[in-house]
Amino acid sequence: MNNQTCLLSLSNGCPPVSADHQGAPSFRPSLRSGVSRCFHLARKPAAAAALALLLALAPGASATELLVNRSFDQYGADWIVAAPATNDFFFATAGEANLHANGYLGTILWQDLNLSNVGGASGTASIALTKYSGPPGNTIAVYLEYLVTSGVTNRLLLLNPANSAVLFPPDSTVFSTNFTLPADAQSLVRLAVDKTYFGEFHAQEFSLDVTPVGGPPELGLSIVVPSEGETNTAPFLLRAGVTNLTATVSSLKFYANDALVGEGRLDPHGEWFFADGSRLSVMGGGGYESADYSEPNPGDMFFMHGTFTSQTNFSGGFQYNPSGGGMGGGAVSIVYSLDAAGLLTAAITGDAPLGVRTLSNGTNVGDTINYGFFWADATAGIYAITARAVYNSGSSATSAPVNITVEGPVPRPTLQIRQTSPTTIELSWPDDGNVYAVRSQTSLGVGSWNPVEGTVGLIGGRFVQTLSATNQTSFFRLLKLF
């Protein structure tokens, strides 16, 4: 028998919404609960209709919340429908919002805002509309609602274009205006789209961008991973989140006790939407990581859990819920990459039925852009971790410190292999409370690691699996599932 072995061990949205032309709704929930608003500057597609708002706050003013909202395909959950009285949107094709609301006059859609210190703020607004039908008059109106010092909520009419000026499909017409909020405006309450007359109009995108006149607002920067008081053993991930998505970061570096650790790179953690309708939520931190993958509707859901072996390489196991019912699972690995524009590619390799698939050009639809650094050479000690970011403008910001403890290396479980007879070999690994699976392949080149068949028993604190010996060269790895 010529049996060679390789001993490896591993240790530790905004839902798309759609409906047909008549308004029959369908709703696919986000992969992660608790996400009520998305804040990402999405690339603007060729739109049949679009609205863009830009507010510039007076010098010295500050925004308590950054609002950027465009594509209905990716940000539909941000909006509330007033008519008809449902929680779903009414859409035509290609993600366009159908503003028809047959027989209804008044507010059709709105988005709640929470923006303070806006007294005297000036800005510009624009909207591009496509008309499907419309009598003479002015049907679509866009308002900003704001709270004044007396506690009264007032409305500022931004746009109310004449129906006769709106083109029919496939064309659209852009309207724009400048506006100034009253000096006694205390905060913005909501952005409202009203139907003030009859007719059918479609819109694809709405947005509200807020930037103080004196320059970009303070960078929302914080250490996401590790958490305060956490204990880690190298290697482990440092991750910082930027929540001001209009601020362009030229560099972000991590420090431990004010000494440079390394430069952060764009990190795959977040909520991602892909052009084919699939979604990927990359979550977790510390010793537990997960990724929830949803195939295009009505597809299967895959729930993956494991660890990052580098900033971009994930390994672990998965469970899945087939759309036709039942459950299954197996091993999975993912290699993430992000391009200069922040678009995500996830190369997934897993047991059937997940198999090999590549998700390309994913757009971050969450409220945070993450930067990470995999700290591989951290030595034992107590550290105050900070992140320092620099704008393209040259201004900078530093996060609040997070205090952690780094311990010395912990022995990792090792797969042991021995020949027990001329025709059998024995694989064994420790019972340390984790769940492992053994995988094998006959070449370390391109190819998948296959499950090792055979009964597993527990003997003297170790799991033992017996296999038939062959003359074929084999390589084995111990994979931690969870």
Protein backbone atom coordinates (compact mmCIF):
# COMPACT_ATOMS: atom_id res chain seq x y z
CA MET A 1 0.00 0.00 0.00
CA ASN A 2 1.24 3.48 -0.82
CA ASN A 3 -0.96 5.79 1.22
CA GLN A 4 0.18 9.41 1.59
CA THR A 5 -1.53 11.75 3.96
CA CYS A 6 -1.91 15.48 4.32
CA LEU A 7 -2.96 16.43 7.83
CA LEU A 8 -4.99 19.63 7.84
CA SER A 9 -7.11 21.16 10.58
CA LEU A 10 -9.34 24.20 10.72
CA SER A 11 -10.25 26.15 13.81
CA ASN A 12 -12.01 28.56 14.80
CA GLY A 13 -30.98 43.46 3.74
CA CYS A 14 -33.89 45.58 2.12
CA PRO A 15 -35.98 43.11 0.26
CA PRO A 16 -36.63 43.33 -3.45
CA VAL A 17 -40.30 43.98 -4.06
CA SER A 18 -42.26 43.50 -7.25
CA ALA A 19 -45.73 43.29 -8.74
CA ASP A 20 -47.41 43.19 -12.09
CA HIS A 21 -48.78 46.15 -14.01
CA GLN A 22 -52.17 45.82 -12.38
CA GLY A 23 -50.66 45.98 -8.92
CA ALA A 24 -50.66 42.33 -7.81
CA PRO A 25 -48.04 42.42 -5.03
CA SER A 26 -45.33 39.95 -4.14
CA PHE A 27 -42.88 40.34 -1.26
CA ARG A 28 -39.65 38.47 -0.50
CA PRO A 29 -38.35 39.12 3.02
CA SER A 30 -34.79 40.12 3.80
CA LEU A 31 -32.33 37.41 4.80
CA ARG A 32 -31.68 39.22 8.05
CA SER A 33 -34.35 40.59 10.33
CA GLY A 34 -34.09 44.03 11.85
CA VAL A 35 -32.88 45.80 8.73
CA SER A 36 -35.42 48.59 8.29
CA ARG A 37 -33.41 51.01 6.18
CA CYS A 38 -30.61 50.76 3.63
CA PHE A 39 -28.05 53.53 3.22
CA HIS A 40 -25.87 52.92 0.19
CA LEU A 41 -25.05 55.10 -2.77
CA ALA A 42 -26.21 52.71 -5.47
CA ARG A 43 -25.10 53.03 -9.05
CA LYS A 44 -27.87 54.66 -11.04
CA PRO A 45 -29.21 52.39 -13.80
CA ALA A 46 -30.84 53.61 -16.98
CA ALA A 47 -34.15 54.60 -15.42
CA ALA A 48 -37.54 55.06 -16.92
CA ALA A 49 -38.09 57.43 -14.03
CA ALA A 50 -35.86 58.75 -11.29
CA LEU A 51 -35.86 61.32 -8.55
CA ALA A 52 -32.82 62.79 -6.91
CA LEU A 53 -32.73 65.20 -4.01
CA LEU A 54 -29.68 66.98 -2.73
CA LEU A 55 -29.75 68.96 0.50
CA ALA A 56 -26.89 71.19 1.54
CA LEU A 57 -26.94 72.14 5.21
CA ALA A 58 -25.91 75.56 6.36
CA PRO A 59 -22.32 75.94 7.62
CA GLY A 60 -21.92 74.51 11.11
CA ALA A 61 -25.00 72.32 10.81
CA SER A 62 -24.72 68.57 11.22
CA ALA A 63 -26.80 65.62 10.10
CA THR A 64 -27.91 63.09 12.69
CA GLU A 65 -28.59 60.55 9.97
CA LEU A 66 -27.33 60.05 6.44
CA LEU A 67 -29.99 59.11 3.92
CA VAL A 68 -29.19 57.76 0.49
CA ASN A 69 -31.93 55.82 -1.27
CA ARG A 70 -32.30 55.00 -4.93
CA SER A 71 -33.27 51.73 -6.58
CA PHE A 72 -36.65 50.25 -5.64
CA ASP A 73 -35.23 46.82 -6.49
CA GLN A 74 -32.73 47.15 -3.66
CA TYR A 75 -34.32 49.67 -1.30
CA GLY A 76 -38.03 48.95 -1.48
CA ALA A 77 -38.30 48.24 2.25
CA ASP A 78 -37.38 51.86 3.05
CA TRP A 79 -40.68 53.11 1.68
CA ILE A 80 -44.17 52.94 3.09
CA VAL A 81 -47.26 52.71 0.91
CA ALA A 82 -50.22 54.82 1.97
CA ALA A 83 -52.57 53.83 -0.83
CA PRO A 84 -53.68 51.15 -1.21
CA ALA A 85 -53.37 50.44 2.50
CA THR A 86 -50.90 47.56 2.39
CA ASN A 87 -47.29 46.98 3.41
CA ASP A 88 -46.25 46.06 -0.12
CA PHE A 89 -45.32 48.09 -3.16
CA PHE A 90 -47.20 48.12 -6.41
CA PHE A 91 -44.77 47.78 -9.29
CA ALA A 92 -44.72 47.63 -13.04
CA THR A 93 -41.83 46.03 -14.93
CA ALA A 94 -38.09 46.43 -14.32
CA GLY A 95 -38.48 47.64 -10.76
CA GLU A 96 -40.40 50.80 -11.63
CA ALA A 97 -42.77 52.08 -8.97
CA ASN A 98 -46.26 52.40 -10.41
CA LEU A 99 -47.61 55.66 -8.97
CA HIS A 100 -51.07 54.99 -10.40
CA ALA A 101 -53.00 54.19 -7.16
CA ASN A 102 -56.24 54.01 -9.16
CA GLY A 103 -58.99 56.30 -7.85
CA TYR A 104 -56.85 57.57 -4.98
CA LEU A 105 -55.63 61.13 -4.38
CA GLY A 106 -53.15 62.03 -1.66
CA THR A 107 -49.86 60.59 -0.40
CA ILE A 108 -48.93 57.41 -2.29
CA LEU A 109 -45.48 56.65 -0.90
CA TRP A 110 -43.40 58.10 1.87
CA GLN A 111 -40.13 57.51 3.65
CA ASP A 112 -39.67 58.52 7.28
CA LEU A 113 -36.69 60.81 7.89
CA ASN A 114 -34.74 61.69 11.02
CA LEU A 115 -32.56 64.65 10.13
CA SER A 116 -31.98 67.54 12.54
CA ASN A 117 -30.30 70.98 12.30
CA VAL A 118 -31.79 71.79 8.90
CA GLY A 119 -32.94 75.38 9.54
CA GLY A 120 -32.12 77.47 6.46
CA ALA A 121 -30.70 74.51 4.57
CA SER A 122 -30.76 74.91 0.80
CA GLY A 123 -30.62 72.29 -1.87
CA THR A 124 -31.73 71.07 -5.25
CA ALA A 125 -34.31 68.51 -6.29
CA SER A 126 -34.87 66.71 -9.55
CA ILE A 127 -37.28 64.09 -10.80
CA ALA A 128 -37.55 62.17 -14.06
CA LEU A 129 -41.01 60.79 -14.82
CA THR A 130 -42.55 58.58 -17.49
CA LYS A 131 -46.24 59.10 -18.33
CA TYR A 132 -48.51 56.21 -19.26
CA SER A 133 -51.70 58.27 -19.16
CA GLY A 134 -52.58 61.70 -17.86
CA PRO A 135 -55.11 64.46 -18.46
CA PRO A 136 -54.10 68.13 -18.45
CA GLY A 137 -53.05 69.19 -14.97
CA ASN A 138 -50.36 68.34 -12.40
CA THR A 139 -50.56 64.81 -11.01
CA ILE A 140 -47.31 63.96 -9.18
CA ALA A 141 -46.05 66.15 -6.33
CA VAL A 142 -42.98 65.64 -4.14
CA TYR A 143 -42.91 67.16 -0.64
CA LEU A 144 -40.50 67.45 2.26
CA GLU A 145 -42.25 67.49 5.62
CA TYR A 146 -40.43 69.26 8.45
CA LEU A 147 -40.95 70.10 12.11
CA VAL A 148 -40.68 73.76 13.20
CA THR A 149 -39.78 75.19 16.61
CA SER A 150 -43.44 75.51 17.63
CA GLY A 151 -43.89 71.75 17.22
CA VAL A 152 -46.02 72.02 14.05
CA THR A 153 -45.26 69.87 11.00
CA ASN A 154 -45.25 71.80 7.73
CA ARG A 155 -44.84 70.76 4.09
CA LEU A 156 -42.50 72.20 1.47
CA LEU A 157 -43.53 71.49 -2.13
CA LEU A 158 -40.44 70.53 -4.09
CA LEU A 159 -41.81 69.41 -7.44
CA ASN A 160 -45.21 69.33 -9.15
CA PRO A 161 -44.54 69.11 -12.91
CA ALA A 162 -47.23 69.63 -15.54
CA ASN A 163 -48.55 66.38 -17.03
CA SER A 164 -48.32 67.83 -20.54
CA ALA A 165 -44.53 68.11 -20.18
CA VAL A 166 -44.00 64.43 -19.27
CA LEU A 167 -43.04 62.09 -22.12
CA PHE A 168 -44.51 58.66 -22.79
CA PRO A 169 -42.37 55.46 -22.62
CA PRO A 170 -39.73 54.60 -23.51
CA ASP A 171 -38.71 58.21 -22.83
CA SER A 172 -38.68 60.14 -19.58
CA THR A 173 -38.60 63.82 -18.68
CA VAL A 174 -36.37 65.39 -16.02
CA PHE A 175 -37.58 68.30 -13.87
CA SER A 176 -35.43 70.16 -11.35
CA THR A 177 -35.66 73.01 -8.87
CA ASN A 178 -33.73 74.77 -6.10
CA PHE A 179 -35.22 75.15 -2.65
CA THR A 180 -34.45 76.50 0.82
CA LEU A 181 -35.91 75.25 4.09
CA PRO A 182 -37.31 77.91 6.46
CA ALA A 183 -35.01 79.17 9.21
CA ASP A 184 -37.29 77.74 11.92
CA ALA A 185 -37.14 74.19 10.50
CA GLN A 186 -35.92 71.90 13.29
CA SER A 187 -35.85 68.53 11.55
CA LEU A 188 -37.01 66.70 8.43
CA VAL A 189 -39.86 64.30 9.16
CA ARG A 190 -40.45 62.52 5.87
CA LEU A 191 -40.21 62.59 2.09
CA ALA A 192 -43.66 62.18 0.49
CA VAL A 193 -44.82 61.44 -3.05
CA ASP A 194 -48.41 62.54 -3.64
CA LYS A 195 -50.95 61.97 -6.38
CA THR A 196 -52.79 65.29 -6.67
CA TYR A 197 -54.72 64.56 -9.85
CA PHE A 198 -55.59 61.64 -12.15
CA GLY A 199 -53.24 59.77 -14.48
CA GLU A 200 -50.64 57.00 -14.41
CA PHE A 201 -46.96 57.75 -13.92
CA HIS A 202 -43.99 55.49 -13.14
CA ALA A 203 -40.82 56.14 -11.15
CA GLN A 204 -37.79 53.92 -10.71
CA GLU A 205 -35.60 55.69 -8.18
CA PHE A 206 -35.82 58.20 -5.34
CA SER A 207 -32.90 59.57 -3.38
CA LEU A 208 -32.06 62.03 -0.62
CA ASP A 209 -28.41 62.97 -0.12
CA VAL A 210 -27.40 65.22 2.77
CA THR A 211 -24.04 66.98 3.02
CA PRO A 212 -23.14 70.08 5.12
CA VAL A 213 -22.04 73.09 3.10
CA GLY A 214 -18.73 73.35 4.96
CA GLY A 215 -17.53 69.94 3.76
CA PRO A 216 -18.37 66.29 4.37
CA PRO A 217 -20.00 65.37 7.67
CA GLU A 218 -18.12 63.60 10.42
CA LEU A 219 -17.12 60.13 9.35
CA GLY A 220 -19.21 57.48 11.09
CA LEU A 221 -16.34 55.16 12.02
CA SER A 222 -16.25 52.41 14.63
CA ILE A 223 -14.55 49.12 15.43
CA VAL A 224 -17.07 46.36 14.67
CA VAL A 225 -14.87 43.33 15.45
CA PRO A 226 -13.52 42.52 17.98
CA SER A 227 -15.88 43.75 20.69
CA GLU A 228 -14.98 45.45 23.95
CA GLY A 229 -13.40 43.03 26.45
CA GLU A 230 -13.06 40.20 23.95
CA THR A 231 -10.24 37.64 24.20
CA ASN A 232 -8.65 36.42 20.96
CA THR A 233 -5.86 34.19 19.74
CA ALA A 234 -4.00 35.03 16.53
CA PRO A 235 -4.87 34.96 13.73
CA PHE A 236 -8.10 36.95 13.95
CA LEU A 237 -9.95 39.65 12.04
CA LEU A 238 -10.02 43.36 12.83
CA ARG A 239 -13.04 45.00 11.20
CA ALA A 240 -14.14 48.65 11.10
CA GLY A 241 -17.44 49.97 9.77
CA VAL A 242 -18.01 53.25 7.95
CA THR A 243 -21.63 54.39 8.16
CA ASN A 244 -21.32 57.71 6.33
CA LEU A 245 -21.62 56.45 2.78
CA THR A 246 -21.10 59.83 1.08
CA ALA A 247 -17.63 60.15 2.59
CA THR A 248 -15.00 58.69 0.27
CA VAL A 249 -12.25 57.00 2.25
CA SER A 250 -8.79 57.00 0.69
CA SER A 251 -7.17 54.84 3.38
CA LEU A 252 -8.09 53.11 6.64
CA LYS A 253 -5.50 51.71 9.05
CA PHE A 254 -5.71 49.73 12.27
CA TYR A 255 -3.65 50.49 15.37
CA ALA A 256 -2.99 48.59 18.60
CA ASN A 257 -1.88 50.80 21.52
CA ASP A 258 -1.23 53.51 18.89
CA ALA A 259 1.19 51.27 16.97
CA LEU A 260 0.32 50.51 13.35
CA VAL A 261 -0.99 46.97 12.86
CA GLY A 262 -1.89 47.09 9.17
CA GLU A 263 -3.98 48.74 6.46
CA GLY A 264 -7.61 47.75 6.11
CA ARG A 265 -9.10 46.51 2.87
CA LEU A 266 -12.73 46.43 1.77
CA ASP A 267 -14.34 43.54 3.64
CA PRO A 268 -17.14 41.17 2.50
CA HIS A 269 -19.25 41.50 5.68
CA GLY A 270 -22.57 43.14 4.87
CA GLU A 271 -25.78 42.78 2.87
CA TRP A 272 -25.24 42.07 -0.84
CA PHE A 273 -27.66 42.05 -3.77
CA PHE A 274 -26.84 40.49 -7.16
CA ALA A 275 -28.28 41.23 -10.59
CA ASP A 276 -29.91 37.80 -10.91
CA GLY A 277 -32.00 38.48 -7.80
CA SER A 278 -29.92 36.43 -5.36
CA ARG A 279 -28.87 37.86 -2.00
CA LEU A 280 -26.01 37.18 0.39
CA SER A 281 -25.77 38.28 4.02
CA VAL A 282 -22.25 37.95 5.46
CA MET A 283 -22.46 38.26 9.24
CA GLY A 284 -20.65 37.52 12.46
CA GLY A 285 -17.37 38.24 14.14
CA GLY A 286 -14.88 36.76 16.54
CA GLY A 287 -15.12 32.98 16.66
CA TYR A 288 -18.43 32.61 14.80
CA GLU A 289 -19.15 33.63 11.23
CA SER A 290 -22.14 32.98 9.02
CA ALA A 291 -23.40 33.70 5.52
CA ASP A 292 -27.02 33.37 4.40
CA TYR A 293 -27.46 32.86 0.68
CA SER A 294 -30.82 33.12 -1.08
CA GLU A 295 -31.20 31.95 -4.66
CA PRO A 296 -33.31 34.04 -7.03
CA ASN A 297 -36.97 33.76 -6.06
CA PRO A 298 -38.37 31.13 -5.71
CA GLY A 299 -35.06 29.43 -4.94
CA ASP A 300 -33.47 27.62 -2.04
CA MET A 301 -32.00 29.17 1.11
CA PHE A 302 -28.51 28.15 2.27
CA PHE A 303 -27.34 28.93 5.81
CA MET A 304 -23.55 28.73 6.11
CA HIS A 305 -21.53 28.82 9.32
CA GLY A 306 -17.82 28.51 10.07
CA THR A 307 -14.71 30.69 10.28
CA PHE A 308 -12.53 32.94 8.16
CA THR A 309 -9.07 31.48 7.56
CA SER A 310 -8.02 34.81 6.03
CA GLN A 311 -9.81 38.09 5.44
CA THR A 312 -11.36 36.74 2.24
CA ASN A 313 -11.49 32.93 2.73
CA PHE A 314 -14.39 31.33 4.61
CA SER A 315 -14.66 27.62 5.46
CA GLY A 316 -17.34 25.66 7.28
CA GLY A 317 -20.62 23.89 6.78
CA PHE A 318 -24.08 24.69 5.51
CA GLN A 319 -27.71 23.76 5.95
CA TYR A 320 -30.33 24.47 3.35
CA ASN A 321 -34.09 24.65 3.05
CA PRO A 322 -35.21 23.53 -0.42
CA SER A 323 -38.07 25.55 -1.86
CA GLY A 324 -39.92 22.25 -2.31
CA GLY A 325 -39.54 21.30 1.38
CA GLY A 326 -37.10 19.26 3.46
CA MET A 327 -33.59 20.02 4.68
CA GLY A 328 -29.99 19.08 3.87
CA GLY A 329 -26.41 20.19 4.44
CA GLY A 330 -22.71 19.65 3.92
CA ALA A 331 -19.32 21.38 3.77
CA VAL A 332 -18.70 24.71 2.06
CA SER A 333 -15.89 27.15 1.36
CA ILE A 334 -16.13 30.69 -0.04
CA VAL A 335 -13.48 32.95 -1.52
CA TYR A 336 -14.55 36.60 -1.50
CA SER A 337 -13.08 39.44 -3.55
CA LEU A 338 -14.02 43.11 -3.93
CA ASP A 339 -13.09 45.37 -6.82
CA ALA A 340 -12.16 49.04 -6.64
CA ALA A 341 -15.82 50.02 -6.99
CA GLY A 342 -16.77 47.93 -3.94
CA LEU A 343 -18.58 45.22 -5.93
CA LEU A 344 -18.42 41.73 -4.39
CA THR A 345 -17.59 38.40 -6.02
CA ALA A 346 -18.23 35.25 -3.97
CA ALA A 347 -16.79 31.98 -5.34
CA ILE A 348 -18.67 29.20 -3.51
CA THR A 349 -17.62 25.54 -3.44
CA GLY A 350 -19.78 23.12 -1.47
CA ASP A 351 -21.26 19.68 -1.27
CA ALA A 352 -24.37 18.95 -3.33
CA PRO A 353 -26.74 20.57 -3.94
CA LEU A 354 -24.80 23.79 -3.35
CA GLY A 355 -21.96 22.74 -5.65
CA VAL A 356 -19.71 25.26 -7.37
CA ARG A 357 -21.19 28.66 -8.18
CA THR A 358 -19.91 32.22 -8.49
CA LEU A 359 -21.88 35.30 -7.48
CA SER A 360 -20.54 38.36 -9.31
CA ASN A 361 -20.81 42.15 -9.01
CA GLY A 362 -22.75 42.17 -5.76
CA THR A 363 -23.89 45.60 -4.55
CA ASN A 364 -23.72 46.50 -0.86
CA VAL A 365 -27.31 47.31 0.15
CA GLY A 366 -26.64 47.62 3.87
CA ASP A 367 -25.98 50.74 5.91
CA THR A 368 -22.25 50.06 6.47
CA ILE A 369 -19.11 49.67 4.38
CA ASN A 370 -16.66 47.38 6.17
CA TYR A 371 -12.87 47.41 6.13
CA GLY A 372 -10.85 44.53 7.55
CA PHE A 373 -7.35 43.37 8.41
CA PHE A 374 -6.44 39.78 9.33
CA TRP A 375 -4.03 40.12 12.26
CA ALA A 376 -1.90 37.00 11.92
CA ASP A 377 1.13 37.90 14.06
CA ALA A 378 -0.57 39.32 17.17
CA THR A 379 1.36 38.46 20.33
CA ALA A 380 -0.07 37.94 23.81
CA GLY A 381 -1.01 41.16 25.59
CA ILE A 382 -3.69 43.76 26.26
CA TYR A 383 -4.45 46.17 23.43
CA ALA A 384 -6.56 49.24 22.68
CA ILE A 385 -7.63 48.81 19.03
CA THR A 386 -8.49 51.88 16.94
CA ALA A 387 -9.13 52.58 13.27
CA ARG A 388 -8.03 55.78 11.55
CA ALA A 389 -9.59 56.77 8.24
CA VAL A 390 -8.52 59.50 5.82
CA TYR A 391 -10.88 61.20 3.37
CA ASN A 392 -9.95 61.91 -0.21
CA SER A 393 -10.14 65.55 0.89
CA GLY A 394 -7.30 64.96 3.36
CA SER A 395 -9.35 65.24 6.54
CA SER A 396 -9.27 62.26 8.92
CA ALA A 397 -11.19 60.56 11.72
CA THR A 398 -10.31 58.08 14.46
CA SER A 399 -12.67 55.53 16.01
CA ALA A 400 -13.23 55.09 19.71
CA PRO A 401 -10.85 52.46 21.15
CA VAL A 402 -11.91 48.88 21.79
CA ASN A 403 -9.94 47.09 24.51
CA ILE A 404 -9.12 43.42 23.95
CA THR A 405 -6.87 40.67 25.28
CA VAL A 406 -4.72 38.50 23.01
CA GLU A 407 -3.69 35.12 24.35
CA GLY A 408 -0.94 32.78 23.18
CA PRO A 409 -1.66 30.13 20.55
CA VAL A 410 -4.09 27.36 21.43
CA PRO A 411 -3.36 23.84 20.11
CA ARG A 412 -5.64 23.02 17.19
CA PRO A 413 -7.19 19.58 16.67
CA THR A 414 -5.14 17.34 14.40
CA LEU A 415 -6.33 14.51 12.23
CA GLN A 416 -4.33 11.37 13.02
CA ILE A 417 -4.00 8.55 10.47
CA ARG A 418 -2.57 5.09 11.09
CA GLN A 419 -2.63 1.72 9.38
CA THR A 420 -4.37 -0.87 11.55
CA SER A 421 -4.04 -3.84 9.18
CA PRO A 422 -2.85 -4.58 5.65
CA THR A 423 -6.32 -3.68 4.38
CA THR A 424 -7.53 -0.93 6.75
CA ILE A 425 -6.51 2.51 7.95
CA GLU A 426 -7.89 4.47 10.90
CA LEU A 427 -8.66 8.19 11.05
CA SER A 428 -9.15 9.85 14.45
CA TRP A 429 -9.60 13.34 15.90
CA PRO A 430 -10.35 14.70 19.40
CA ASP A 431 -13.80 15.16 20.90
CA ASP A 432 -13.42 18.84 21.85
CA GLY A 433 -17.08 19.88 21.69
CA ASN A 434 -16.96 20.98 18.05
CA VAL A 435 -18.42 19.18 15.04
CA TYR A 436 -15.96 18.05 12.37
CA ALA A 437 -16.10 16.14 9.09
CA VAL A 438 -13.31 14.38 7.21
CA ARG A 439 -12.82 15.14 3.52
CA SER A 440 -10.47 13.53 1.01
CA GLN A 441 -9.19 13.90 -2.53
CA THR A 442 -6.61 12.08 -4.67
CA SER A 443 -4.82 15.22 -5.86
CA LEU A 444 -4.04 18.59 -4.30
CA GLY A 445 -4.67 20.26 -7.63
CA VAL A 446 -8.02 21.49 -8.90
CA GLY A 447 -10.92 19.46 -7.56
CA SER A 448 -13.32 19.23 -4.68
CA TRP A 449 -12.78 17.57 -1.29
CA ASN A 450 -15.18 14.65 -1.05
CA PRO A 451 -16.93 13.27 2.04
CA VAL A 452 -15.25 10.19 3.54
CA GLU A 453 -17.73 7.34 3.90
CA GLY A 454 -17.70 5.06 6.95
CA THR A 455 -19.06 4.68 10.47
CA VAL A 456 -17.67 7.05 13.10
CA GLY A 457 -17.31 5.87 16.71
CA LEU A 458 -16.14 7.52 19.93
CA ILE A 459 -13.27 5.70 21.69
CA GLY A 460 -11.34 7.15 24.63
CA GLY A 461 -12.23 10.78 23.93
CA ARG A 462 -11.49 10.57 20.20
CA PHE A 463 -13.70 10.07 17.19
CA VAL A 464 -12.51 7.11 15.10
CA GLN A 465 -13.35 6.24 11.50
CA THR A 466 -12.04 3.07 9.77
CA LEU A 467 -11.47 2.94 6.00
CA SER A 468 -10.38 0.33 3.49
CA ALA A 469 -6.80 0.76 2.35
CA THR A 470 -6.07 1.09 -1.37
CA ASN A 471 -3.02 1.57 -3.59
CA GLN A 472 -4.28 5.02 -4.54
CA THR A 473 -2.61 8.13 -3.11
CA SER A 474 -5.07 9.97 -0.88
CA PHE A 475 -5.06 13.28 0.99
CA PHE A 476 -7.28 13.97 4.00
CA ARG A 477 -8.40 17.10 5.81
CA LEU A 478 -10.36 17.71 9.01
CA LEU A 479 -13.06 20.31 8.44
CA LYS A 480 -14.76 22.11 11.29
CA LEU A 481 -18.46 22.46 10.54
CA PHE A 482 -19.59 24.27 13.71
